[in-house]
């Protein structure tokens, strides 16, 4: 009887460990899924001084670009990478107005990770 109880106790302990391992594995899988998604977008206007654009207008421009490409948030990094040229064209084919002047944007750097980062240069629209 004692051997049987000991084995039963050991089996219960193993079942409990299996349950804990499964929970840990599930949590790790969820964490990995989060890591592989675009979670935020950062835009930086690199040549604002050249056009003497004040900080508030720069922030407004950067927010406008973020809004234009906001659909990438929560998308997986691989699919965003595969469509990076489309993403660049989305920004570059639009005309932006800053202080009643029209500008075109050129994406000079694009970094794709859990944070999508764009560096953008502007020029007068023609």
Foldseek 3Di string as FASTA:
>chain_A
DVVVVVVVVVVVVVVVVVVVVVVVVVVVVVVVLLQQAQAEEAEAEDPCVVVVADPVLRVVVRVVLCVQQVVRGRPGQVVCVVCVVVNQCSQQVDWDAGPNFTKGKGFPDWDTGSYTYTYIYIDGDD
